[in-house]
Amino acid sequence: EFISAYAIDLKSCRVLTSELIGEFLECFR
């Protein structure tokens, strides 16, 4: 779900930014 929500941002970057990491960590309890 994270990948589908941020697909456009992920395609344009080569390394995860801190903003994307913050959103990515919402996938875990």
mmCIF file of all heavy atoms, coordinates in Angstrom:
data_MODEL
# 
_entry.id   MODEL 
# 
loop_
_atom_site.group_PDB 
_atom_site.id 
_atom_site.type_symbol 
_atom_site.label_atom_id 
_atom_site.label_alt_id 
_atom_site.label_comp_id 
_atom_site.label_asym_id 
_atom_site.label_entity_id 
_atom_site.label_seq_id 
_atom_site.pdbx_PDB_ins_code 
_atom_site.Cartn_x 
_atom_site.Cartn_y 
_atom_site.Cartn_z 
_atom_site.occupancy 
_atom_site.B_iso_or_equiv 
_atom_site.pdbx_formal_charge 
_atom_site.auth_seq_id 
_atom_site.auth_comp_id 
_atom_site.auth_asym_id 
_atom_site.auth_atom_id 
_atom_site.pdbx_PDB_model_num 
ATOM 1   N N   . GLU A 1 1  ? 0.831  -1.206 0.000   1.00 0.00 ? 1  GLU A N   1 
ATOM 2   C CA  . GLU A 1 1  ? 0.000  0.000  0.000   1.00 0.00 ? 1  GLU A CA  1 
ATOM 3   C C   . GLU A 1 1  ? 0.866  1.256  0.000   1.00 0.00 ? 1  GLU A C   1 
ATOM 4   O O   . GLU A 1 1  ? 0.545  2.244  -0.659  1.00 0.00 ? 1  GLU A O   1 
ATOM 5   C CB  . GLU A 1 1  ? -0.925 0.013  1.219   1.00 0.00 ? 1  GLU A CB  1 
ATOM 6   C CG  . GLU A 1 1  ? -1.999 -1.041 1.200   1.00 0.00 ? 1  GLU A CG  1 
ATOM 7   C CD  . GLU A 1 1  ? -2.797 -1.082 2.479   1.00 0.00 ? 1  GLU A CD  1 
ATOM 8   O OE1 . GLU A 1 1  ? -2.243 -0.799 3.561   1.00 0.00 ? 1  GLU A OE1 1 
ATOM 9   O OE2 . GLU A 1 1  ? -3.998 -1.384 2.387   1.00 0.00 ? 1  GLU A OE2 1 
ATOM 10  N N   . PHE A 1 2  ? 1.980  1.216  0.740   1.00 0.00 ? 2  PHE A N   1 
ATOM 11  C CA  . PHE A 1 2  ? 2.919  2.347  0.745   1.00 0.00 ? 2  PHE A CA  1 
ATOM 12  C C   . PHE A 1 2  ? 3.503  2.557  -0.641  1.00 0.00 ? 2  PHE A C   1 
ATOM 13  O O   . PHE A 1 2  ? 3.578  3.688  -1.133  1.00 0.00 ? 2  PHE A O   1 
ATOM 14  C CB  . PHE A 1 2  ? 4.039  2.099  1.766   1.00 0.00 ? 2  PHE A CB  1 
ATOM 15  C CG  . PHE A 1 2  ? 5.195  3.040  1.633   1.00 0.00 ? 2  PHE A CG  1 
ATOM 16  C CD1 . PHE A 1 2  ? 5.106  4.331  2.104   1.00 0.00 ? 2  PHE A CD1 1 
ATOM 17  C CD2 . PHE A 1 2  ? 6.365  2.635  1.012   1.00 0.00 ? 2  PHE A CD2 1 
ATOM 18  C CE1 . PHE A 1 2  ? 6.169  5.212  1.975   1.00 0.00 ? 2  PHE A CE1 1 
ATOM 19  C CE2 . PHE A 1 2  ? 7.431  3.504  0.883   1.00 0.00 ? 2  PHE A CE2 1 
ATOM 20  C CZ  . PHE A 1 2  ? 7.329  4.794  1.364   1.00 0.00 ? 2  PHE A CZ  1 
ATOM 21  N N   . ILE A 1 3  ? 3.895  1.461  -1.290  1.00 0.00 ? 3  ILE A N   1 
ATOM 22  C CA  . ILE A 1 3  ? 4.489  1.569  -2.620  1.00 0.00 ? 3  ILE A CA  1 
ATOM 23  C C   . ILE A 1 3  ? 3.476  2.124  -3.615  1.00 0.00 ? 3  ILE A C   1 
ATOM 24  O O   . ILE A 1 3  ? 3.803  2.986  -4.438  1.00 0.00 ? 3  ILE A O   1 
ATOM 25  C CB  . ILE A 1 3  ? 5.041  0.203  -3.076  1.00 0.00 ? 3  ILE A CB  1 
ATOM 26  C CG1 . ILE A 1 3  ? 6.270  -0.172 -2.241  1.00 0.00 ? 3  ILE A CG1 1 
ATOM 27  C CG2 . ILE A 1 3  ? 5.395  0.205  -4.554  1.00 0.00 ? 3  ILE A CG2 1 
ATOM 28  C CD1 . ILE A 1 3  ? 6.788  -1.568 -2.478  1.00 0.00 ? 3  ILE A CD1 1 
ATOM 29  N N   . SER A 1 4  ? 2.238  1.667  -3.551  1.00 0.00 ? 4  SER A N   1 
ATOM 30  C CA  . SER A 1 4  ? 1.237  2.175  -4.495  1.00 0.00 ? 4  SER A CA  1 
ATOM 31  C C   . SER A 1 4  ? 0.882  3.633  -4.205  1.00 0.00 ? 4  SER A C   1 
ATOM 32  O O   . SER A 1 4  ? 0.605  4.397  -5.135  1.00 0.00 ? 4  SER A O   1 
ATOM 33  C CB  . SER A 1 4  ? -0.013 1.301  -4.467  1.00 0.00 ? 4  SER A CB  1 
ATOM 34  O OG  . SER A 1 4  ? -0.638 1.379  -3.208  1.00 0.00 ? 4  SER A OG  1 
ATOM 35  N N   . ALA A 1 5  ? 0.908  4.049  -2.935  1.00 0.00 ? 5  ALA A N   1 
ATOM 36  C CA  . ALA A 1 5  ? 0.571  5.431  -2.606  1.00 0.00 ? 5  ALA A CA  1 
ATOM 37  C C   . ALA A 1 5  ? 1.675  6.405  -3.019  1.00 0.00 ? 5  ALA A C   1 
ATOM 38  O O   . ALA A 1 5  ? 1.405  7.529  -3.416  1.00 0.00 ? 5  ALA A O   1 
ATOM 39  C CB  . ALA A 1 5  ? 0.303  5.558  -1.112  1.00 0.00 ? 5  ALA A CB  1 
ATOM 40  N N   . TYR A 1 6  ? 2.925  5.968  -2.938  1.00 0.00 ? 6  TYR A N   1 
ATOM 41  C CA  . TYR A 1 6  ? 4.060  6.850  -3.229  1.00 0.00 ? 6  TYR A CA  1 
ATOM 42  C C   . TYR A 1 6  ? 4.841  6.393  -4.458  1.00 0.00 ? 6  TYR A C   1 
ATOM 43  O O   . TYR A 1 6  ? 6.048  6.614  -4.547  1.00 0.00 ? 6  TYR A O   1 
ATOM 44  C CB  . TYR A 1 6  ? 4.992  6.923  -2.016  1.00 0.00 ? 6  TYR A CB  1 
ATOM 45  C CG  . TYR A 1 6  ? 4.375  7.652  -0.869  1.00 0.00 ? 6  TYR A CG  1 
ATOM 46  C CD1 . TYR A 1 6  ? 3.783  6.962  0.184   1.00 0.00 ? 6  TYR A CD1 1 
ATOM 47  C CD2 . TYR A 1 6  ? 4.341  9.036  -0.839  1.00 0.00 ? 6  TYR A CD2 1 
ATOM 48  C CE1 . TYR A 1 6  ? 3.193  7.630  1.233   1.00 0.00 ? 6  TYR A CE1 1 
ATOM 49  C CE2 . TYR A 1 6  ? 3.761  9.716  0.206   1.00 0.00 ? 6  TYR A CE2 1 
ATOM 50  C CZ  . TYR A 1 6  ? 3.189  9.007  1.239   1.00 0.00 ? 6  TYR A CZ  1 
ATOM 51  O OH  . TYR A 1 6  ? 2.603  9.676  2.268   1.00 0.00 ? 6  TYR A OH  1 
ATOM 52  N N   . ALA A 1 7  ? 4.169  5.777  -5.413  1.00 0.00 ? 7  ALA A N   1 
ATOM 53  C CA  . ALA A 1 7  ? 4.847  5.236  -6.603  1.00 0.00 ? 7  ALA A CA  1 
ATOM 54  C C   . ALA A 1 7  ? 5.552  6.331  -7.400  1.00 0.00 ? 7  ALA A C   1 
ATOM 55  O O   . ALA A 1 7  ? 6.680  6.138  -7.855  1.00 0.00 ? 7  ALA A O   1 
ATOM 56  C CB  . ALA A 1 7  ? 3.855  4.492  -7.485  1.00 0.00 ? 7  ALA A CB  1 
ATOM 57  N N   . ILE A 1 8  ? 4.920  7.476  -7.557  1.00 0.00 ? 8  ILE A N   1 
ATOM 58  C CA  . ILE A 1 8  ? 5.519  8.554  -8.352  1.00 0.00 ? 8  ILE A CA  1 
ATOM 59  C C   . ILE A 1 8  ? 6.781  9.086  -7.673  1.00 0.00 ? 8  ILE A C   1 
ATOM 60  O O   . ILE A 1 8  ? 7.808  9.306  -8.332  1.00 0.00 ? 8  ILE A O   1 
ATOM 61  C CB  . ILE A 1 8  ? 4.490  9.685  -8.564  1.00 0.00 ? 8  ILE A CB  1 
ATOM 62  C CG1 . ILE A 1 8  ? 3.312  9.150  -9.373  1.00 0.00 ? 8  ILE A CG1 1 
ATOM 63  C CG2 . ILE A 1 8  ? 5.122  10.888 -9.249  1.00 0.00 ? 8  ILE A CG2 1 
ATOM 64  C CD1 . ILE A 1 8  ? 2.141  10.077 -9.430  1.00 0.00 ? 8  ILE A CD1 1 
ATOM 65  N N   . ASP A 1 9  ? 6.724  9.269  -6.356  1.00 0.00 ? 9  ASP A N   1 
ATOM 66  C CA  . ASP A 1 9  ? 7.902  9.750  -5.632  1.00 0.00 ? 9  ASP A CA  1 
ATOM 67  C C   . ASP A 1 9  ? 9.021  8.722  -5.641  1.00 0.00 ? 9  ASP A C   1 
ATOM 68  O O   . ASP A 1 9  ? 10.200 9.075  -5.719  1.00 0.00 ? 9  ASP A O   1 
ATOM 69  C CB  . ASP A 1 9  ? 7.536  10.089 -4.185  1.00 0.00 ? 9  ASP A CB  1 
ATOM 70  C CG  . ASP A 1 9  ? 6.555  11.239 -4.091  1.00 0.00 ? 9  ASP A CG  1 
ATOM 71  O OD1 . ASP A 1 9  ? 6.525  12.060 -5.026  1.00 0.00 ? 9  ASP A OD1 1 
ATOM 72  O OD2 . ASP A 1 9  ? 5.826  11.308 -3.093  1.00 0.00 ? 9  ASP A OD2 1 
ATOM 73  N N   . LEU A 1 10 ? 8.668  7.441  -5.543  1.00 0.00 ? 10 LEU A N   1 
ATOM 74  C CA  . LEU A 1 10 ? 9.684  6.397  -5.516  1.00 0.00 ? 10 LEU A CA  1 
ATOM 75  C C   . LEU A 1 10 ? 10.355 6.224  -6.869  1.00 0.00 ? 10 LEU A C   1 
ATOM 76  O O   . LEU A 1 10 ? 11.545 5.920  -6.944  1.00 0.00 ? 10 LEU A O   1 
ATOM 77  C CB  . LEU A 1 10 ? 9.073  5.067  -5.067  1.00 0.00 ? 10 LEU A CB  1 
ATOM 78  C CG  . LEU A 1 10 ? 8.622  4.998  -3.610  1.00 0.00 ? 10 LEU A CG  1 
ATOM 79  C CD1 . LEU A 1 10 ? 7.893  3.699  -3.343  1.00 0.00 ? 10 LEU A CD1 1 
ATOM 80  C CD2 . LEU A 1 10 ? 9.795  5.155  -2.685  1.00 0.00 ? 10 LEU A CD2 1 
ATOM 81  N N   . LYS A 1 11 ? 9.610  6.420  -7.957  1.00 0.00 ? 11 LYS A N   1 
ATOM 82  C CA  . LYS A 1 11 ? 10.204 6.279  -9.285  1.00 0.00 ? 11 LYS A CA  1 
ATOM 83  C C   . LYS A 1 11 ? 11.221 7.367  -9.563  1.00 0.00 ? 11 LYS A C   1 
ATOM 84  O O   . LYS A 1 11 ? 12.184 7.143  -10.290 1.00 0.00 ? 11 LYS A O   1 
ATOM 85  C CB  . LYS A 1 11 ? 9.116  6.312  -10.364 1.00 0.00 ? 11 LYS A CB  1 
ATOM 86  C CG  . LYS A 1 11 ? 8.274  5.062  -10.409 1.00 0.00 ? 11 LYS A CG  1 
ATOM 87  C CD  . LYS A 1 11 ? 7.196  5.174  -11.452 1.00 0.00 ? 11 LYS A CD  1 
ATOM 88  C CE  . LYS A 1 11 ? 6.289  3.954  -11.435 1.00 0.00 ? 11 LYS A CE  1 
ATOM 89  N NZ  . LYS A 1 11 ? 5.194  4.058  -12.395 1.00 0.00 ? 11 LYS A NZ  1 
ATOM 90  N N   . SER A 1 12 ? 11.024 8.539  -8.977  1.00 0.00 ? 12 SER A N   1 
ATOM 91  C CA  . SER A 1 12 ? 11.926 9.654  -9.258  1.00 0.00 ? 12 SER A CA  1 
ATOM 92  C C   . SER A 1 12 ? 13.149 9.684  -8.348  1.00 0.00 ? 12 SER A C   1 
ATOM 93  O O   . SER A 1 12 ? 14.057 10.459 -8.580  1.00 0.00 ? 12 SER A O   1 
ATOM 94  C CB  . SER A 1 12 ? 11.168 10.980 -9.138  1.00 0.00 ? 12 SER A CB  1 
ATOM 95  O OG  . SER A 1 12 ? 10.737 11.160 -7.803  1.00 0.00 ? 12 SER A OG  1 
ATOM 96  N N   . CYS A 1 13 ? 13.201 8.848  -7.306  1.00 0.00 ? 13 CYS A N   1 
ATOM 97  C CA  . CYS A 1 13 ? 14.354 8.886  -6.404  1.00 0.00 ? 13 CYS A CA  1 
ATOM 98  C C   . CYS A 1 13 ? 15.149 7.591  -6.487  1.00 0.00 ? 13 CYS A C   1 
ATOM 99  O O   . CYS A 1 13 ? 14.653 6.561  -6.934  1.00 0.00 ? 13 CYS A O   1 
ATOM 100 C CB  . CYS A 1 13 ? 13.892 9.130  -4.969  1.00 0.00 ? 13 CYS A CB  1 
ATOM 101 S SG  . CYS A 1 13 ? 13.070 7.745  -4.199  1.00 0.00 ? 13 CYS A SG  1 
ATOM 102 N N   . ARG A 1 14 ? 16.385 7.680  -6.082  1.00 0.00 ? 14 ARG A N   1 
ATOM 103 C CA  . ARG A 1 14 ? 17.240 6.490  -6.025  1.00 0.00 ? 14 ARG A CA  1 
ATOM 104 C C   . ARG A 1 14 ? 17.458 6.021  -4.587  1.00 0.00 ? 14 ARG A C   1 
ATOM 105 O O   . ARG A 1 14 ? 17.722 4.866  -4.338  1.00 0.00 ? 14 ARG A O   1 
ATOM 106 C CB  . ARG A 1 14 ? 18.579 6.769  -6.677  1.00 0.00 ? 14 ARG A CB  1 
ATOM 107 C CG  . ARG A 1 14 ? 18.461 7.096  -8.143  1.00 0.00 ? 14 ARG A CG  1 
ATOM 108 C CD  . ARG A 1 14 ? 19.787 6.855  -8.832  1.00 0.00 ? 14 ARG A CD  1 
ATOM 109 N NE  . ARG A 1 14 ? 19.706 7.199  -10.234 1.00 0.00 ? 14 ARG A NE  1 
ATOM 110 C CZ  . ARG A 1 14 ? 19.285 6.380  -11.164 1.00 0.00 ? 14 ARG A CZ  1 
ATOM 111 N NH1 . ARG A 1 14 ? 18.874 5.180  -10.845 1.00 0.00 ? 14 ARG A NH1 1 
ATOM 112 N NH2 . ARG A 1 14 ? 19.261 6.755  -12.420 1.00 0.00 ? 14 ARG A NH2 1 
ATOM 113 N N   . VAL A 1 15 ? 17.356 6.935  -3.635  1.00 0.00 ? 15 VAL A N   1 
ATOM 114 C CA  . VAL A 1 15 ? 17.532 6.643  -2.217  1.00 0.00 ? 15 VAL A CA  1 
ATOM 115 C C   . VAL A 1 15 ? 16.330 7.217  -1.482  1.00 0.00 ? 15 VAL A C   1 
ATOM 116 O O   . VAL A 1 15 ? 15.836 8.286  -1.828  1.00 0.00 ? 15 VAL A O   1 
ATOM 117 C CB  . VAL A 1 15 ? 18.838 7.283  -1.687  1.00 0.00 ? 15 VAL A CB  1 
ATOM 118 C CG1 . VAL A 1 15 ? 19.020 6.994  -0.214  1.00 0.00 ? 15 VAL A CG1 1 
ATOM 119 C CG2 . VAL A 1 15 ? 20.038 6.785  -2.463  1.00 0.00 ? 15 VAL A CG2 1 
ATOM 120 N N   . LEU A 1 16 ? 15.861 6.505  -0.461  1.00 0.00 ? 16 LEU A N   1 
ATOM 121 C CA  . LEU A 1 16 ? 14.719 6.976  0.318   1.00 0.00 ? 16 LEU A CA  1 
ATOM 122 C C   . LEU A 1 16 ? 15.076 8.246  1.081   1.00 0.00 ? 16 LEU A C   1 
ATOM 123 O O   . LEU A 1 16 ? 16.094 8.306  1.761   1.00 0.00 ? 16 LEU A O   1 
ATOM 124 C CB  . LEU A 1 16 ? 14.270 5.911  1.309   1.00 0.00 ? 16 LEU A CB  1 
ATOM 125 C CG  . LEU A 1 16 ? 13.590 4.679  0.742   1.00 0.00 ? 16 LEU A CG  1 
ATOM 126 C CD1 . LEU A 1 16 ? 13.324 3.675  1.839   1.00 0.00 ? 16 LEU A CD1 1 
ATOM 127 C CD2 . LEU A 1 16 ? 12.304 5.056  0.057   1.00 0.00 ? 16 LEU A CD2 1 
ATOM 128 N N   . THR A 1 17 ? 14.237 9.255  0.960   1.00 0.00 ? 17 THR A N   1 
ATOM 129 C CA  . THR A 1 17 ? 14.433 10.489 1.714   1.00 0.00 ? 17 THR A CA  1 
ATOM 130 C C   . THR A 1 17 ? 13.869 10.321 3.118   1.00 0.00 ? 17 THR A C   1 
ATOM 131 O O   . THR A 1 17 ? 13.134 9.378  3.395   1.00 0.00 ? 17 THR A O   1 
ATOM 132 C CB  . THR A 1 17 ? 13.741 11.667 1.009   1.00 0.00 ? 17 THR A CB  1 
ATOM 133 O OG1 . THR A 1 17 ? 12.337 11.390 0.955   1.00 0.00 ? 17 THR A OG1 1 
ATOM 134 C CG2 . THR A 1 17 ? 14.280 11.869 -0.392  1.00 0.00 ? 17 THR A CG2 1 
ATOM 135 N N   . SER A 1 18 ? 14.196 11.253 3.991   1.00 0.00 ? 18 SER A N   1 
ATOM 136 C CA  . SER A 1 18 ? 13.720 11.144 5.371   1.00 0.00 ? 18 SER A CA  1 
ATOM 137 C C   . SER A 1 18 ? 12.200 11.274 5.452   1.00 0.00 ? 18 SER A C   1 
ATOM 138 O O   . SER A 1 18 ? 11.575 10.659 6.303   1.00 0.00 ? 18 SER A O   1 
ATOM 139 C CB  . SER A 1 18 ? 14.398 12.195 6.250   1.00 0.00 ? 18 SER A CB  1 
ATOM 140 O OG  . SER A 1 18 ? 14.168 13.483 5.736   1.00 0.00 ? 18 SER A OG  1 
ATOM 141 N N   . GLU A 1 19 ? 11.585 12.057 4.544   1.00 0.00 ? 19 GLU A N   1 
ATOM 142 C CA  . GLU A 1 19 ? 10.124 12.166 4.540   1.00 0.00 ? 19 GLU A CA  1 
ATOM 143 C C   . GLU A 1 19 ? 9.484  10.833 4.149   1.00 0.00 ? 19 GLU A C   1 
ATOM 144 O O   . GLU A 1 19 ? 8.502  10.405 4.739   1.00 0.00 ? 19 GLU A O   1 
ATOM 145 C CB  . GLU A 1 19 ? 9.661  13.266 3.574   1.00 0.00 ? 19 GLU A CB  1 
ATOM 146 C CG  . GLU A 1 19 ? 10.039 14.665 4.000   1.00 0.00 ? 19 GLU A CG  1 
ATOM 147 C CD  . GLU A 1 19 ? 11.430 15.062 3.531   1.00 0.00 ? 19 GLU A CD  1 
ATOM 148 O OE1 . GLU A 1 19 ? 11.978 14.384 2.628   1.00 0.00 ? 19 GLU A OE1 1 
ATOM 149 O OE2 . GLU A 1 19 ? 11.971 16.021 4.072   1.00 0.00 ? 19 GLU A OE2 1 
ATOM 150 N N   . LEU A 1 20 ? 10.053 10.189 3.133   1.00 0.00 ? 20 LEU A N   1 
ATOM 151 C CA  . LEU A 1 20 ? 9.522  8.887  2.712   1.00 0.00 ? 20 LEU A CA  1 
ATOM 152 C C   . LEU A 1 20 ? 9.738  7.822  3.781   1.00 0.00 ? 20 LEU A C   1 
ATOM 153 O O   . LEU A 1 20 ? 8.904  6.945  3.966   1.00 0.00 ? 20 LEU A O   1 
ATOM 154 C CB  . LEU A 1 20 ? 10.150 8.452  1.390   1.00 0.00 ? 20 LEU A CB  1 
ATOM 155 C CG  . LEU A 1 20 ? 9.667  9.189  0.147   1.00 0.00 ? 20 LEU A CG  1 
ATOM 156 C CD1 . LEU A 1 20 ? 10.484 8.770  -1.064  1.00 0.00 ? 20 LEU A CD1 1 
ATOM 157 C CD2 . LEU A 1 20 ? 8.204  8.929  -0.093  1.00 0.00 ? 20 LEU A CD2 1 
ATOM 158 N N   . ILE A 1 21 ? 10.857 7.904  4.486   1.00 0.00 ? 21 ILE A N   1 
ATOM 159 C CA  . ILE A 1 21 ? 11.116 6.936  5.553   1.00 0.00 ? 21 ILE A CA  1 
ATOM 160 C C   . ILE A 1 21 ? 10.101 7.109  6.677   1.00 0.00 ? 21 ILE A C   1 
ATOM 161 O O   . ILE A 1 21 ? 9.589  6.142  7.238   1.00 0.00 ? 21 ILE A O   1 
ATOM 162 C CB  . ILE A 1 21 ? 12.556 7.073  6.078   1.00 0.00 ? 21 ILE A CB  1 
ATOM 163 C CG1 . ILE A 1 21 ? 13.544 6.643  4.999   1.00 0.00 ? 21 ILE A CG1 1 
ATOM 164 C CG2 . ILE A 1 21 ? 12.768 6.252  7.335   1.00 0.00 ? 21 ILE A CG2 1 
ATOM 165 C CD1 . ILE A 1 21 ? 14.979 6.955  5.318   1.00 0.00 ? 21 ILE A CD1 1 
ATOM 166 N N   . GLY A 1 22 ? 9.781  8.360  7.006   1.00 0.00 ? 22 GLY A N   1 
ATOM 167 C CA  . GLY A 1 22 ? 8.773  8.612  8.034   1.00 0.00 ? 22 GLY A CA  1 
ATOM 168 C C   . GLY A 1 22 ? 7.426  8.033  7.655   1.00 0.00 ? 22 GLY A C   1 
ATOM 169 O O   . GLY A 1 22 ? 6.724  7.446  8.485   1.00 0.00 ? 22 GLY A O   1 
ATOM 170 N N   . GLU A 1 23 ? 7.037  8.175  6.394   1.00 0.00 ? 23 GLU A N   1 
ATOM 171 C CA  . GLU A 1 23 ? 5.783  7.585  5.925   1.00 0.00 ? 23 GLU A CA  1 
ATOM 172 C C   . GLU A 1 23 ? 5.885  6.061  5.860   1.00 0.00 ? 23 GLU A C   1 
ATOM 173 O O   . GLU A 1 23 ? 4.922  5.353  6.134   1.00 0.00 ? 23 GLU A O   1 
ATOM 174 C CB  . GLU A 1 23 ? 5.411  8.142  4.549   1.00 0.00 ? 23 GLU A CB  1 
ATOM 175 C CG  . GLU A 1 23 ? 5.083  9.612  4.547   1.00 0.00 ? 23 GLU A CG  1 
ATOM 176 C CD  . GLU A 1 23 ? 3.806  9.939  5.283   1.00 0.00 ? 23 GLU A CD  1 
ATOM 177 O OE1 . GLU A 1 23 ? 2.884  9.105  5.281   1.00 0.00 ? 23 GLU A OE1 1 
ATOM 178 O OE2 . GLU A 1 23 ? 3.740  11.025 5.878   1.00 0.00 ? 23 GLU A OE2 1 
ATOM 179 N N   . PHE A 1 24 ? 7.058  5.547  5.487   1.00 0.00 ? 24 PHE A N   1 
ATOM 180 C CA  . PHE A 1 24 ? 7.272  4.102  5.386   1.00 0.00 ? 24 PHE A CA  1 
ATOM 181 C C   . PHE A 1 24 ? 7.127  3.425  6.750   1.00 0.00 ? 24 PHE A C   1 
ATOM 182 O O   . PHE A 1 24 ? 6.583  2.328  6.855   1.00 0.00 ? 24 PHE A O   1 
ATOM 183 C CB  . PHE A 1 24 ? 8.667  3.842  4.801   1.00 0.00 ? 24 PHE A CB  1 
ATOM 184 C CG  . PHE A 1 24 ? 9.096  2.412  4.844   1.00 0.00 ? 24 PHE A CG  1 
ATOM 185 C CD1 . PHE A 1 24 ? 8.516  1.481  4.000   1.00 0.00 ? 24 PHE A CD1 1 
ATOM 186 C CD2 . PHE A 1 24 ? 10.068 1.995  5.723   1.00 0.00 ? 24 PHE A CD2 1 
ATOM 187 C CE1 . PHE A 1 24 ? 8.911  0.159  4.034   1.00 0.00 ? 24 PHE A CE1 1 
ATOM 188 C CE2 . PHE A 1 24 ? 10.465 0.683  5.760   1.00 0.00 ? 24 PHE A CE2 1 
ATOM 189 C CZ  . PHE A 1 24 ? 9.887  -0.238 4.914   1.00 0.00 ? 24 PHE A CZ  1 
ATOM 190 N N   . LEU A 1 25 ? 7.572  4.095  7.806   1.00 0.00 ? 25 LEU A N   1 
ATOM 191 C CA  . LEU A 1 25 ? 7.527  3.487  9.133   1.00 0.00 ? 25 LEU A CA  1 
ATOM 192 C C   . LEU A 1 25 ? 6.122  3.429  9.716   1.00 0.00 ? 25 LEU A C   1 
ATOM 193 O O   . LEU A 1 25 ? 5.909  2.810  10.756  1.00 0.00 ? 25 LEU A O   1 
ATOM 194 C CB  . LEU A 1 25 ? 8.479  4.221  10.082  1.00 0.00 ? 25 LEU A CB  1 
ATOM 195 C CG  . LEU A 1 25 ? 9.954  3.970  9.770   1.00 0.00 ? 25 LEU A CG  1 
ATOM 196 C CD1 . LEU A 1 25 ? 10.837 4.840  10.630  1.00 0.00 ? 25 LEU A CD1 1 
ATOM 197 C CD2 . LEU A 1 25 ? 10.307 2.509  9.952   1.00 0.00 ? 25 LEU A CD2 1 
ATOM 198 N N   . GLU A 1 26 ? 5.138  4.046  9.036   1.00 0.00 ? 26 GLU A N   1 
ATOM 199 C CA  . GLU A 1 26 ? 3.751  3.886  9.456   1.00 0.00 ? 26 GLU A CA  1 
ATOM 200 C C   . GLU A 1 26 ? 3.220  2.494  9.111   1.00 0.00 ? 26 GLU A C   1 
ATOM 201 O O   . GLU A 1 26 ? 2.142  2.127  9.529   1.00 0.00 ? 26 GLU A O   1 
ATOM 202 C CB  . GLU A 1 26 ? 2.869  4.937  8.792   1.00 0.00 ? 26 GLU A CB  1 
ATOM 203 C CG  . GLU A 1 26 ? 3.058  6.322  9.343   1.00 0.00 ? 26 GLU A CG  1 
ATOM 204 C CD  . GLU A 1 26 ? 2.088  7.300  8.743   1.00 0.00 ? 26 GLU A CD  1 
ATOM 205 O OE1 . GLU A 1 26 ? 1.067  6.864  8.176   1.00 0.00 ? 26 GLU A OE1 1 
ATOM 206 O OE2 . GLU A 1 26 ? 2.351  8.507  8.835   1.00 0.00 ? 26 GLU A OE2 1 
ATOM 207 N N   . CYS A 1 27 ? 3.982  1.729  8.349   1.00 0.00 ? 27 CYS A N   1 
ATOM 208 C CA  . CYS A 1 27 ? 3.572  0.377  7.971   1.00 0.00 ? 27 CYS A CA  1 
ATOM 209 C C   . CYS A 1 27 ? 3.860  -0.644 9.068   1.00 0.00 ? 27 CYS A C   1 
ATOM 210 O O   . CYS A 1 27 ? 3.599  -1.829 8.882   1.00 0.00 ? 27 CYS A O   1 
ATOM 211 C CB  . CYS A 1 27 ? 4.289  -0.058 6.694   1.00 0.00 ? 27 CYS A CB  1 
ATOM 212 S SG  . CYS A 1 27 ? 3.942  0.972  5.270   1.00 0.00 ? 27 CYS A SG  1 
ATOM 213 N N   . PHE A 1 28 ? 4.406  -0.216 10.188  1.00 0.00 ? 28 PHE A N   1 
ATOM 214 C CA  . PHE A 1 28 ? 4.839  -1.158 11.219  1.00 0.00 ? 28 PHE A CA  1 
ATOM 215 C C   . PHE A 1 28 ? 4.289  -0.743 12.582  1.00 0.00 ? 28 PHE A C   1 
ATOM 216 O O   . PHE A 1 28 ? 4.207  0.437  12.896  1.00 0.00 ? 28 PHE A O   1 
ATOM 217 C CB  . PHE A 1 28 ? 6.372  -1.221 11.274  1.00 0.00 ? 28 PHE A CB  1 
ATOM 218 C CG  . PHE A 1 28 ? 6.983  -1.608 9.967   1.00 0.00 ? 28 PHE A CG  1 
ATOM 219 C CD1 . PHE A 1 28 ? 7.468  -0.645 9.107   1.00 0.00 ? 28 PHE A CD1 1 
ATOM 220 C CD2 . PHE A 1 28 ? 7.029  -2.929 9.577   1.00 0.00 ? 28 PHE A CD2 1 
ATOM 221 C CE1 . PHE A 1 28 ? 8.014  -0.984 7.896   1.00 0.00 ? 28 PHE A CE1 1 
ATOM 222 C CE2 . PHE A 1 28 ? 7.568  -3.282 8.364   1.00 0.00 ? 28 PHE A CE2 1 
ATOM 223 C CZ  . PHE A 1 28 ? 8.065  -2.309 7.515   1.00 0.00 ? 28 PHE A CZ  1 
ATOM 224 N N   . ARG A 1 29 ? 3.945  -1.741 13.378  1.00 0.00 ? 29 ARG A N   1 
ATOM 225 C CA  . ARG A 1 29 ? 3.505  -1.512 14.747  1.00 0.00 ? 29 ARG A CA  1 
ATOM 226 C C   . ARG A 1 29 ? 4.701  -1.790 15.653  1.00 0.00 ? 29 ARG A C   1 
ATOM 227 O O   . ARG A 1 29 ? 5.255  -2.884 15.652  1.00 0.00 ? 29 ARG A O   1 
ATOM 228 C CB  . ARG A 1 29 ? 2.334  -2.428 15.096  1.00 0.00 ? 29 ARG A CB  1 
ATOM 229 C CG  . ARG A 1 29 ? 1.843  -2.214 16.512  1.00 0.00 ? 29 ARG A CG  1 
ATOM 230 C CD  . ARG A 1 29 ? 0.546  -2.923 16.786  1.00 0.00 ? 29 ARG A CD  1 
ATOM 231 N NE  . ARG A 1 29 ? -0.522 -2.157 16.130  1.00 0.00 ? 29 ARG A NE  1 
ATOM 232 C CZ  . ARG A 1 29 ? -1.439 -2.696 15.359  1.00 0.00 ? 29 ARG A CZ  1 
ATOM 233 N NH1 . ARG A 1 29 ? -1.453 -3.971 15.133  1.00 0.00 ? 29 ARG A NH1 1 
ATOM 234 N NH2 . ARG A 1 29 ? -2.372 -1.950 14.805  1.00 0.00 ? 29 ARG A NH2 1 
# 
